Amino acid sequence: MSTATVQQARRTRLRAVSGSFIGTTIEWYDFYLYGLAAALVFNVQFFPGSSPLAGSIASFATLAVGVVVRPLGGILAGHFGDRVGRKSLLVISLVLMGLASVGIGLLPTFDQVGWWAVAGLVVLRCLQGLSAGMEWGGAALTAVEHAPAGRRGFFGSFTQVGSSAGMLLATGAFAATTSLTTEEQFAAVGWRIPFLASAVLVVVGLFIRLGVEDAEEFRRLRESDGVSSAPVVELLRHHTRPVPVTAGLRLGQNGLYYLVTTYLVSYLVLKGLDSAVLLQATMVASAIGLISTPFWGALSDRYGRRRVSQFGYALTAVAGWVLFFVVEAGTLSLLPLVVVLVINIAHDSVYGPQAAWFAEQFPVKVRYSGVNLGYQLGTVVGGGFAPFIASLLFRAGGGTPWLIAGYLTLLAVLSLVASAFARDPRGADDVDLLRPAVAAPDAAEGSEASERSVPGSAGRGTAAAPDALTDPTDTLVIQEAR
């Protein structure tokens, strides 16, 4: 391969990773703004007259609504992403999220228009949920499918870094706004500024994303007319097993993140404690996450996704107990340290390898649909309802947090079980997704298909591939699947 070709490949990969990172950063900046506002603002601005606890429950219910529609966004994006390409859906998702966030920033409050304000908030939150459901799968696949063999975990982790960067921007925007305004000014106008600022970020993200192309693997499939006419249907008929597995892998990680970054803020307020210490700790953890997330992703390339992730799930199982013990003991000076350890070790060790691990579960024909559906289903169960469920458990527990800690432990255990069933290609089996693997002798499904060649590979010395790239991961991970 010539030097020019190598340099071009590097530039292509860099642009793909940059597009995934920056676009995801903007998406999650908008999405996390809502979570922070739900804990600090919406319970007063849109649900006045309620008790603090009732207002928080209602506010978190609107937060959960946005997450409930995420699988629908994932299904829509998967259908068109597996047929048309990843790039088009990434552009649409970014514009949709920006419009919804600006709309929230312009939305009248309950005092101004009554229940119409609540209806508008729910509709705009649903649009945010659709956009978020469309976003992650395309961004993850753009990074992972451009990655070289043996580095998918590292490349895919930059999609995940966008989440930390988005949270850092969101918490930073809220912290800056609260510090520059009085309490009355923030309640009246200040909280709107971070939402309106997303319009500028969307323009920047579109400029970068429009220059990113689909990976060669998908382009070959499309040029050979190998795309599925109904990828979601094909996924559910022939590749059902990885869907609940990937959904299960999300539970502990997503539940932990929502409880720490969203519910715990409200919990501190209900306890009459200073929530600013948690916002500051979240900002520090998000900044460290810019480094820790790629570290864990790279570590999974070396030691396997399963081993690294199970380490994180085990820590997640005890994280809730430690967090609430620190708060209940009144030692808030230790809370920032605990939050950083929980987020950057327990959470990031699972989150870093996740993009690559999900992509490795599905063949290219249905990969966008598969990763989106599994990811979003896990998000609904493990994350979107977590603050809402935590609020109910707080009441059921008589104002104590221990049922909430037990709930997080349950999510972590379920993820541990799912990780035992997930495929984990590594070492000698960790080949480039574009390059076919050699099927195991007893792989009945792959043996016949492996004799056919990759479309467009003539004269390249490329080995035979399964069914015109329709199912490369079936042979890639045949031993781990058993």
Protein backbone atom coordinates (compact mmCIF):
# COMPACT_ATOMS: atom_id res chain seq x y z
CA MET A 1 0.00 0.00 0.00
CA SER A 2 1.44 3.39 -1.04
CA THR A 3 2.23 6.16 1.42
CA ALA A 4 -0.47 8.35 -0.11
CA THR A 5 -3.07 5.60 0.35
CA VAL A 6 -2.06 5.11 3.98
CA GLN A 7 -2.28 8.85 4.66
CA GLN A 8 -5.68 9.05 2.99
CA ALA A 9 -6.94 6.16 5.11
CA ARG A 10 -5.71 7.92 8.24
CA ARG A 11 -7.41 11.17 7.26
CA THR A 12 -10.64 9.32 6.56
CA ARG A 13 -10.51 7.60 9.95
CA LEU A 14 -9.68 10.85 11.73
CA ARG A 15 -12.60 12.64 10.10
CA ALA A 16 -14.95 9.78 10.94
CA VAL A 17 -13.89 9.74 14.59
CA SER A 18 -14.05 13.55 14.80
CA GLY A 19 -17.51 13.60 13.26
CA SER A 20 -18.75 10.97 15.70
CA PHE A 21 -17.22 12.73 18.68
CA ILE A 22 -18.34 16.28 17.92
CA GLY A 23 -21.82 15.35 16.73
CA THR A 24 -22.41 13.14 19.76
CA THR A 25 -21.10 15.87 22.05
CA ILE A 26 -23.69 18.30 20.74
CA GLU A 27 -26.47 15.70 20.85
CA TRP A 28 -25.78 14.85 24.49
CA TYR A 29 -25.24 18.45 25.47
CA ASP A 30 -28.86 19.07 24.45
CA PHE A 31 -30.12 15.83 25.98
CA TYR A 32 -28.38 16.31 29.33
CA LEU A 33 -29.54 19.91 29.58
CA TYR A 34 -33.04 18.57 29.93
CA GLY A 35 -32.00 16.20 32.72
CA LEU A 36 -30.40 19.02 34.69
CA ALA A 37 -33.33 21.33 34.07
CA ALA A 38 -35.75 18.58 35.14
CA ALA A 39 -33.97 18.38 38.49
CA LEU A 40 -33.51 22.12 39.04
CA VAL A 41 -36.10 24.10 37.06
CA PHE A 42 -38.98 22.22 35.45
CA ASN A 43 -40.49 21.01 38.71
CA VAL A 44 -41.14 24.68 39.58
CA GLN A 45 -41.67 26.28 36.15
CA PHE A 46 -44.00 23.64 34.73
CA PHE A 47 -45.46 21.90 37.81
CA PRO A 48 -46.08 24.69 40.34
CA GLY A 49 -48.26 24.20 43.39
CA SER A 50 -47.02 20.65 43.97
CA SER A 51 -44.96 19.52 46.92
CA PRO A 52 -41.21 19.38 46.19
CA LEU A 53 -41.33 15.58 45.96
CA ALA A 54 -44.46 15.52 43.75
CA GLY A 55 -42.99 18.19 41.49
CA SER A 56 -39.79 16.19 41.12
CA ILE A 57 -41.73 13.01 40.27
CA ALA A 58 -43.76 14.86 37.61
CA SER A 59 -40.64 16.48 36.20
CA PHE A 60 -38.78 13.18 36.01
CA ALA A 61 -41.82 11.63 34.35
CA THR A 62 -41.39 14.04 31.42
CA LEU A 63 -37.71 13.07 31.41
CA ALA A 64 -38.72 9.42 31.12
CA VAL A 65 -41.17 10.16 28.29
CA GLY A 66 -38.31 11.34 26.11
CA VAL A 67 -36.42 8.15 26.75
CA VAL A 68 -39.45 5.95 26.05
CA VAL A 69 -39.61 7.18 22.44
CA ARG A 70 -35.90 6.58 21.88
CA PRO A 71 -36.46 3.02 20.58
CA LEU A 72 -38.80 4.46 17.95
CA GLY A 73 -36.05 6.81 16.84
CA GLY A 74 -33.67 3.87 16.85
CA ILE A 75 -36.00 1.77 14.69
CA LEU A 76 -36.54 4.58 12.17
CA ALA A 77 -32.83 5.36 11.98
CA GLY A 78 -31.95 1.67 11.77
CA HIS A 79 -34.34 1.10 8.89
CA PHE A 80 -33.05 3.98 6.80
CA GLY A 81 -29.47 3.78 8.06
CA ASP A 82 -29.16 0.15 6.95
CA ARG A 83 -30.73 1.02 3.58
CA VAL A 84 -29.43 4.51 2.74
CA GLY A 85 -26.36 4.97 4.92
CA ARG A 86 -25.17 6.20 8.30
CA LYS A 87 -24.27 9.76 7.27
CA SER A 88 -27.76 10.93 6.23
CA LEU A 89 -29.34 9.84 9.50
CA LEU A 90 -26.61 11.49 11.57
CA VAL A 91 -27.29 14.84 9.90
CA ILE A 92 -31.05 14.52 10.46
CA SER A 93 -30.64 13.58 14.12
CA LEU A 94 -28.40 16.56 14.80
CA VAL A 95 -30.82 19.05 13.24
CA LEU A 96 -33.80 17.53 15.04
CA MET A 97 -32.11 17.71 18.44
CA GLY A 98 -31.10 21.31 17.87
CA LEU A 99 -34.61 22.39 16.90
CA ALA A 100 -36.14 20.64 19.92
CA SER A 101 -33.67 22.23 22.34
CA VAL A 102 -34.19 25.73 20.97
CA GLY A 103 -37.94 25.12 21.24
CA ILE A 104 -37.59 24.26 24.94
CA GLY A 105 -35.60 27.46 25.43
CA LEU A 106 -38.49 29.45 23.93
CA LEU A 107 -41.31 27.55 25.66
CA PRO A 108 -43.75 29.53 27.87
CA THR A 109 -44.10 28.34 31.45
CA PHE A 110 -47.15 26.99 33.29
CA ASP A 111 -47.90 30.41 34.78
CA GLN A 112 -48.07 31.88 31.27
CA VAL A 113 -50.12 29.34 29.29
CA GLY A 114 -51.16 26.68 31.79
CA TRP A 115 -51.20 23.03 30.76
CA TRP A 116 -50.27 23.93 27.18
CA ALA A 117 -46.78 24.51 28.55
CA VAL A 118 -46.65 20.96 29.89
CA ALA A 119 -47.94 19.58 26.57
CA GLY A 120 -45.33 21.54 24.66
CA LEU A 121 -42.60 20.33 27.02
CA VAL A 122 -43.63 16.70 26.50
CA VAL A 123 -43.75 17.07 22.69
CA LEU A 124 -40.32 18.70 22.51
CA ARG A 125 -38.91 16.10 24.88
CA CYS A 126 -40.27 13.39 22.59
CA LEU A 127 -38.49 15.01 19.64
CA GLN A 128 -35.29 15.00 21.69
CA GLY A 129 -35.87 11.32 22.40
CA LEU A 130 -36.38 10.52 18.71
CA SER A 131 -33.17 12.34 17.86
CA ALA A 132 -31.17 10.62 20.60
CA GLY A 133 -32.53 7.28 19.43
CA MET A 134 -31.30 8.02 15.92
CA GLU A 135 -27.92 9.37 16.97
CA TRP A 136 -25.90 6.86 18.91
CA GLY A 137 -26.02 3.88 16.57
CA GLY A 138 -24.94 5.86 13.52
CA ALA A 139 -22.16 7.67 15.37
CA ALA A 140 -20.87 4.44 16.91
CA LEU A 141 -20.87 2.58 13.60
CA THR A 142 -19.20 5.46 11.78
CA ALA A 143 -16.28 5.26 14.22
CA VAL A 144 -16.13 1.46 14.59
CA GLU A 145 -16.55 0.58 10.91
CA HIS A 146 -13.68 2.92 9.99
CA ALA A 147 -11.42 1.41 12.68
CA PRO A 148 -8.50 -0.89 11.87
CA ALA A 149 -8.43 -4.46 13.19
CA GLY A 150 -7.64 -4.68 16.87
CA ARG A 151 -8.54 -1.05 17.64
CA ARG A 152 -12.31 -0.98 17.41
CA GLY A 153 -12.66 -0.48 21.16
CA PHE A 154 -10.39 2.57 21.09
CA PHE A 155 -11.96 4.12 18.00
CA GLY A 156 -15.51 3.43 19.16
CA SER A 157 -14.79 4.99 22.55
CA PHE A 158 -14.65 8.45 20.97
CA THR A 159 -18.37 8.18 20.32
CA GLN A 160 -18.73 7.59 24.06
CA VAL A 161 -16.39 10.46 24.88
CA GLY A 162 -18.98 12.69 23.26
CA SER A 163 -21.27 11.87 26.16
CA SER A 164 -18.72 13.10 28.70
CA ALA A 165 -18.02 16.20 26.63
CA GLY A 166 -21.75 16.86 26.28
CA MET A 167 -22.29 16.51 30.01
CA LEU A 168 -19.30 18.78 30.66
CA LEU A 169 -20.75 21.43 28.36
CA ALA A 170 -24.25 21.07 29.83
CA THR A 171 -23.18 21.27 33.47
CA GLY A 172 -20.73 24.05 32.61
CA ALA A 173 -23.45 26.01 30.86
CA PHE A 174 -25.80 25.68 33.84
CA ALA A 175 -23.05 26.49 36.33
CA ALA A 176 -21.99 29.58 34.38
CA THR A 177 -25.59 30.76 34.01
CA THR A 178 -26.40 30.33 37.70
CA SER A 179 -23.21 32.14 38.72
CA LEU A 180 -23.93 35.11 36.41
CA THR A 181 -27.59 35.53 37.38
CA THR A 182 -29.55 35.96 40.56
CA GLU A 183 -31.94 33.23 41.65
CA GLU A 184 -34.89 35.22 40.30
CA GLN A 185 -33.14 35.96 36.99
CA PHE A 186 -32.19 32.32 36.53
CA ALA A 187 -35.76 31.15 37.21
CA ALA A 188 -37.21 33.71 34.79
CA VAL A 189 -34.74 33.73 31.88
CA GLY A 190 -31.33 32.31 32.77
CA TRP A 191 -32.24 28.63 32.44
CA ARG A 192 -33.26 29.24 28.81
CA ILE A 193 -29.82 30.46 27.67
CA PRO A 194 -28.08 27.02 27.54
CA PHE A 195 -30.95 25.63 25.45
CA LEU A 196 -30.85 28.52 22.97
CA ALA A 197 -27.04 28.24 22.69
CA SER A 198 -27.42 24.79 21.15
CA ALA A 199 -28.31 26.44 17.82
CA VAL A 200 -24.71 27.63 17.45
CA LEU A 201 -23.33 24.21 18.35
CA VAL A 202 -25.55 22.48 15.78
CA VAL A 203 -24.15 24.65 12.99
CA VAL A 204 -20.61 23.63 13.98
CA GLY A 205 -21.56 19.96 14.15
CA LEU A 206 -23.21 20.01 10.73
CA PHE A 207 -20.11 21.54 9.15
CA ILE A 208 -18.01 18.61 10.33
CA ARG A 209 -20.55 15.84 9.84
CA LEU A 210 -21.35 16.71 6.24
CA GLY A 211 -17.76 15.84 5.35
CA VAL A 212 -17.90 12.30 6.75
CA GLU A 213 -18.52 9.38 4.39
CA ASP A 214 -19.90 5.91 5.10
CA ALA A 215 -17.33 3.18 5.71
CA GLU A 216 -16.13 0.98 2.85
CA GLU A 217 -17.85 -2.04 4.33
CA PHE A 218 -21.29 -0.50 3.98
CA ARG A 219 -20.52 1.12 0.61
CA ARG A 220 -19.60 -2.29 -0.84
CA LEU A 221 -22.81 -3.76 0.47
CA ARG A 222 -24.87 -0.96 -1.06
CA GLU A 223 -23.03 -1.10 -4.42
CA SER A 224 -23.69 -4.84 -4.64
CA ASP A 225 -27.41 -4.29 -3.96
CA GLY A 226 -27.01 -6.35 -0.81
CA VAL A 227 -28.92 -3.99 1.49
CA SER A 228 -32.05 -5.37 3.09
CA SER A 229 -35.41 -3.94 2.07
CA ALA A 230 -36.69 -4.39 5.62
CA PRO A 231 -33.65 -4.52 7.95
CA VAL A 232 -35.64 -4.37 11.20
CA VAL A 233 -37.82 -7.28 10.11
CA GLU A 234 -34.75 -9.26 9.06
CA LEU A 235 -33.09 -8.42 12.38
CA LEU A 236 -36.02 -9.72 14.41
CA ARG A 237 -36.39 -12.85 12.25
CA HIS A 238 -32.80 -13.96 11.89
CA HIS A 239 -30.65 -12.05 14.42
CA THR A 240 -32.91 -11.76 17.45
CA ARG A 241 -30.51 -13.11 20.07
CA PRO A 242 -28.14 -10.11 20.28
CA VAL A 243 -30.98 -7.61 20.79
CA PRO A 244 -31.88 -8.56 24.41
CA VAL A 245 -28.19 -9.19 25.09
CA THR A 246 -27.15 -5.68 24.07
CA ALA A 247 -30.17 -4.24 25.90
CA GLY A 248 -29.04 -6.07 29.03
CA LEU A 249 -25.50 -4.73 28.67
CA ARG A 250 -26.91 -1.19 28.96
CA LEU A 251 -28.85 -1.61 32.21
CA GLY A 252 -26.20 -1.21 34.90
CA GLN A 253 -24.15 1.43 33.10
CA ASN A 254 -27.07 3.63 32.09
CA GLY A 255 -28.89 3.27 35.41
CA LEU A 256 -25.76 4.32 37.29
CA TYR A 257 -25.23 7.37 35.12
CA TYR A 258 -28.81 8.64 35.36
CA LEU A 259 -28.94 8.13 39.11
CA VAL A 260 -25.70 10.01 39.71
CA THR A 261 -26.08 12.85 37.21
CA THR A 262 -29.85 13.41 37.40
CA TYR A 263 -31.58 11.87 40.41
CA LEU A 264 -28.87 12.56 42.99
CA VAL A 265 -29.17 16.30 42.29
CA SER A 266 -32.85 16.19 43.22
CA TYR A 267 -32.10 13.94 46.21
CA LEU A 268 -29.67 16.47 47.66
CA VAL A 269 -32.22 19.26 47.20
CA LEU A 270 -34.93 17.19 48.95
CA LYS A 271 -32.52 16.60 51.82
CA GLY A 272 -31.83 20.33 52.07
CA LEU A 273 -28.19 19.86 51.04
CA ASP A 274 -26.08 21.83 48.60
CA SER A 275 -26.47 20.32 45.11
CA ALA A 276 -23.70 22.53 43.71
CA VAL A 277 -21.08 20.12 45.06
CA LEU A 278 -22.54 17.35 42.89
CA LEU A 279 -22.65 19.53 39.77
CA GLN A 280 -19.00 20.42 40.30
CA ALA A 281 -18.10 16.76 40.84
CA THR A 282 -19.98 15.80 37.67
CA MET A 283 -18.02 18.39 35.71
CA VAL A 284 -14.73 17.02 37.04
CA ALA A 285 -15.76 13.44 36.24
CA SER A 286 -16.85 14.47 32.74
CA ALA A 287 -13.51 16.15 32.13
CA ILE A 288 -11.62 13.05 33.31
CA GLY A 289 -13.95 10.98 31.12
CA LEU A 290 -12.38 12.55 28.04
CA ILE A 291 -9.31 10.48 28.90
CA SER A 292 -10.66 7.56 30.92
CA THR A 293 -13.23 6.47 28.32
CA PRO A 294 -10.66 5.92 25.51
CA PHE A 295 -8.39 4.24 28.07
CA TRP A 296 -11.03 1.63 28.90
CA GLY A 297 -11.89 1.23 25.22
CA ALA A 298 -8.25 0.55 24.39
CA LEU A 299 -7.97 -1.82 27.35
CA SER A 300 -10.88 -3.83 25.95
CA ASP A 301 -8.97 -4.23 22.67
CA ARG A 302 -6.23 -5.94 24.63
CA TYR A 303 -8.11 -7.93 27.27
CA GLY A 304 -11.56 -8.33 25.73
CA ARG A 305 -14.82 -6.41 26.08
CA ARG A 306 -16.33 -8.94 28.50
CA ARG A 307 -13.53 -8.94 31.04
CA VAL A 308 -13.24 -5.15 31.21
CA SER A 309 -17.00 -4.58 31.32
CA GLN A 310 -17.65 -7.19 34.00
CA PHE A 311 -15.15 -5.38 36.20
CA GLY A 312 -17.27 -2.24 35.81
CA TYR A 313 -20.56 -4.03 36.46
CA ALA A 314 -19.19 -5.50 39.69
CA LEU A 315 -18.26 -2.01 40.91
CA THR A 316 -21.64 -0.66 39.83
CA ALA A 317 -23.37 -3.23 42.02
CA VAL A 318 -21.91 -1.57 45.13
CA ALA A 319 -21.68 2.02 43.86
CA GLY A 320 -25.18 3.06 44.96
CA TRP A 321 -24.61 1.87 48.51
CA VAL A 322 -21.37 3.84 48.78
CA LEU A 323 -22.84 7.02 47.26
CA PHE A 324 -25.88 7.13 49.51
CA PHE A 325 -23.86 6.15 52.59
CA VAL A 326 -21.64 9.20 52.03
CA VAL A 327 -24.67 11.48 51.61
CA GLU A 328 -26.57 10.05 54.60
CA ALA A 329 -23.48 10.33 56.79
CA GLY A 330 -23.33 14.03 55.96
CA THR A 331 -19.77 13.81 54.65
CA LEU A 332 -20.36 15.84 51.48
CA SER A 333 -16.67 16.71 51.37
CA LEU A 334 -16.07 13.12 50.23
CA LEU A 335 -18.86 13.12 47.64
CA PRO A 336 -16.84 14.63 44.76
CA LEU A 337 -14.15 11.95 45.14
CA VAL A 338 -16.73 9.16 45.28
CA VAL A 339 -18.56 10.52 42.23
CA VAL A 340 -15.33 10.69 40.23
CA LEU A 341 -14.39 7.12 41.16
CA VAL A 342 -17.88 5.82 40.38
CA ILE A 343 -18.15 7.59 37.00
CA ASN A 344 -14.61 7.23 35.71
CA ILE A 345 -13.98 3.66 36.85
CA ALA A 346 -17.29 1.81 37.37
CA HIS A 347 -19.17 3.60 34.59
CA ASP A 348 -16.45 4.33 32.03
CA SER A 349 -15.02 0.80 32.11
CA VAL A 350 -18.37 -0.35 30.72
CA TYR A 351 -19.11 2.66 28.55
CA GLY A 352 -15.73 2.84 26.81
CA PRO A 353 -15.88 -0.57 25.08
CA GLN A 354 -19.64 -0.38 24.44
CA ALA A 355 -19.71 1.01 20.89
CA ALA A 356 -17.36 -1.67 19.57
CA TRP A 357 -18.97 -4.45 21.57
CA PHE A 358 -22.45 -3.64 20.30
CA ALA A 359 -21.27 -3.39 16.68
CA GLU A 360 -19.57 -6.77 16.97
CA GLN A 361 -22.87 -8.45 17.81
CA PHE A 362 -24.55 -7.81 14.43
CA PRO A 363 -23.84 -8.38 10.71
CA VAL A 364 -23.53 -5.29 8.52
CA LYS A 365 -26.93 -5.74 6.82
CA VAL A 366 -28.79 -5.14 10.07
CA ARG A 367 -26.07 -3.59 12.22
CA TYR A 368 -27.54 -0.08 12.48
CA SER A 369 -30.95 -1.50 13.36
CA GLY A 370 -29.46 -3.97 15.83
CA VAL A 371 -27.21 -1.65 17.79
CA ASN A 372 -29.89 1.05 17.90
CA LEU A 373 -32.67 -1.23 19.09
CA GLY A 374 -30.58 -2.96 21.75
CA TYR A 375 -29.05 0.28 22.95
CA GLN A 376 -32.33 2.15 23.19
CA LEU A 377 -34.29 -0.66 24.82
CA GLY A 378 -31.62 -0.90 27.48
CA THR A 379 -31.73 2.86 27.90
CA VAL A 380 -35.49 2.88 28.48
CA VAL A 381 -35.36 0.17 31.13
CA GLY A 382 -32.07 1.04 32.78
CA GLY A 383 -31.81 4.79 32.38
CA GLY A 384 -34.90 6.70 31.40
CA PHE A 385 -37.06 5.37 34.20
CA ALA A 386 -34.24 5.32 36.78
CA PRO A 387 -34.82 8.80 38.29
CA PHE A 388 -38.59 8.27 38.24
CA ILE A 389 -38.30 4.82 39.86
CA ALA A 390 -35.79 6.19 42.35
CA SER A 391 -38.25 8.90 43.41
CA LEU A 392 -40.93 6.26 44.01
CA LEU A 393 -38.49 4.01 45.89
CA PHE A 394 -37.46 6.94 48.05
CA ARG A 395 -41.07 7.38 49.10
CA ALA A 396 -41.62 3.61 49.51
CA GLY A 397 -38.50 3.42 51.66
CA GLY A 398 -39.81 6.00 54.09
CA GLY A 399 -37.42 8.71 52.97
CA THR A 400 -34.34 6.46 52.96
CA PRO A 401 -32.23 5.65 49.86
CA TRP A 402 -31.50 1.97 50.41
CA LEU A 403 -34.18 0.64 48.07
CA ILE A 404 -32.63 2.84 45.38
CA ALA A 405 -29.19 1.34 46.04
CA GLY A 406 -30.71 -2.14 45.80
CA TYR A 407 -32.36 -1.21 42.51
CA LEU A 408 -28.99 -0.22 41.03
CA THR A 409 -27.48 -3.48 42.27
CA LEU A 410 -30.24 -5.40 40.47
CA LEU A 411 -29.51 -3.57 37.20
CA ALA A 412 -25.81 -4.35 37.53
CA VAL A 413 -26.48 -8.05 38.15
CA LEU A 414 -28.72 -8.23 35.08
CA SER A 415 -25.93 -6.67 33.01
CA LEU A 416 -23.46 -9.20 34.36
CA VAL A 417 -25.77 -11.98 33.20
CA ALA A 418 -26.13 -10.40 29.75
CA SER A 419 -22.34 -10.05 29.43
CA ALA A 420 -21.96 -13.82 29.79
CA PHE A 421 -24.05 -14.28 26.61
CA ALA A 422 -22.45 -11.51 24.51
CA ARG A 423 -20.00 -12.36 21.76
CA ASP A 424 -16.48 -11.15 22.53
CA PRO A 425 -14.06 -11.41 19.58
CA ARG A 426 -10.48 -10.61 20.53
CA GLY A 427 -6.93 -11.77 20.08
CA ALA A 428 -6.58 -14.02 17.04
CA ASP A 429 -10.29 -13.65 16.28
CA ASP A 430 -10.20 -9.84 16.40
CA VAL A 431 -10.02 -9.27 12.65
CA ASP A 432 -11.11 -6.23 10.69
CA LEU A 433 -14.89 -6.26 10.27
CA LEU A 434 -14.31 -5.61 6.56
CA ARG A 435 -12.08 -8.64 6.23
CA PRO A 436 -13.75 -12.06 6.61
CA ALA A 437 -12.81 -14.49 9.31
CA VAL A 438 -12.35 -18.19 8.77
CA ALA A 439 -15.45 -20.09 9.79
CA ALA A 440 -15.20 -22.82 12.36
CA PRO A 441 -15.55 -26.32 10.86
CA ASP A 442 -18.89 -26.89 12.58
CA ALA A 443 -20.38 -23.54 11.59
CA ALA A 444 -23.12 -24.82 9.35
CA GLU A 445 -24.50 -21.41 8.50
CA GLY A 446 -21.14 -19.87 7.65
CA SER A 447 -19.41 -22.73 5.84
CA GLU A 448 -21.41 -22.45 2.65
CA ALA A 449 -21.41 -18.67 2.61
CA SER A 450 -17.67 -18.49 3.24
CA GLU A 451 -16.96 -19.89 -0.19
CA ARG A 452 -18.44 -16.82 -1.85
CA SER A 453 -16.30 -13.77 -2.43
CA VAL A 454 -16.68 -10.18 -1.34
CA PRO A 455 -18.27 -8.05 -4.06
CA GLY A 456 -15.71 -5.79 -5.63
CA SER A 457 -12.77 -7.71 -4.16
CA ALA A 458 -11.51 -9.26 -7.38
CA GLY A 459 -7.84 -8.63 -7.98
CA ARG A 460 -7.28 -7.47 -4.40
CA GLY A 461 -6.23 -10.79 -3.01
CA THR A 462 -9.12 -10.62 -0.55
CA ALA A 463 -10.17 -13.90 0.99
CA ALA A 464 -13.66 -15.29 0.65
CA ALA A 465 -16.35 -13.64 2.75
CA PRO A 466 -19.68 -14.71 4.15
CA ASP A 467 -22.62 -13.98 1.89
CA ALA A 468 -21.38 -10.80 0.27
CA LEU A 469 -20.64 -9.12 3.59
CA THR A 470 -24.15 -9.74 4.83
CA ASP A 471 -23.01 -11.59 7.91
CA PRO A 472 -19.30 -11.12 8.65
CA THR A 473 -19.69 -11.26 12.39
CA ASP A 474 -21.28 -14.72 12.37
CA THR A 475 -17.94 -16.26 11.47
CA LEU A 476 -16.02 -13.56 13.31
CA VAL A 477 -17.36 -14.69 16.64
CA ILE A 478 -18.51 -18.27 16.04
CA GLN A 479 -16.51 -19.71 18.91
CA GLU A 480 -17.68 -17.10 21.41
CA ALA A 481 -21.30 -17.56 20.35
CA ARG A 482 -21.40 -21.17 21.46
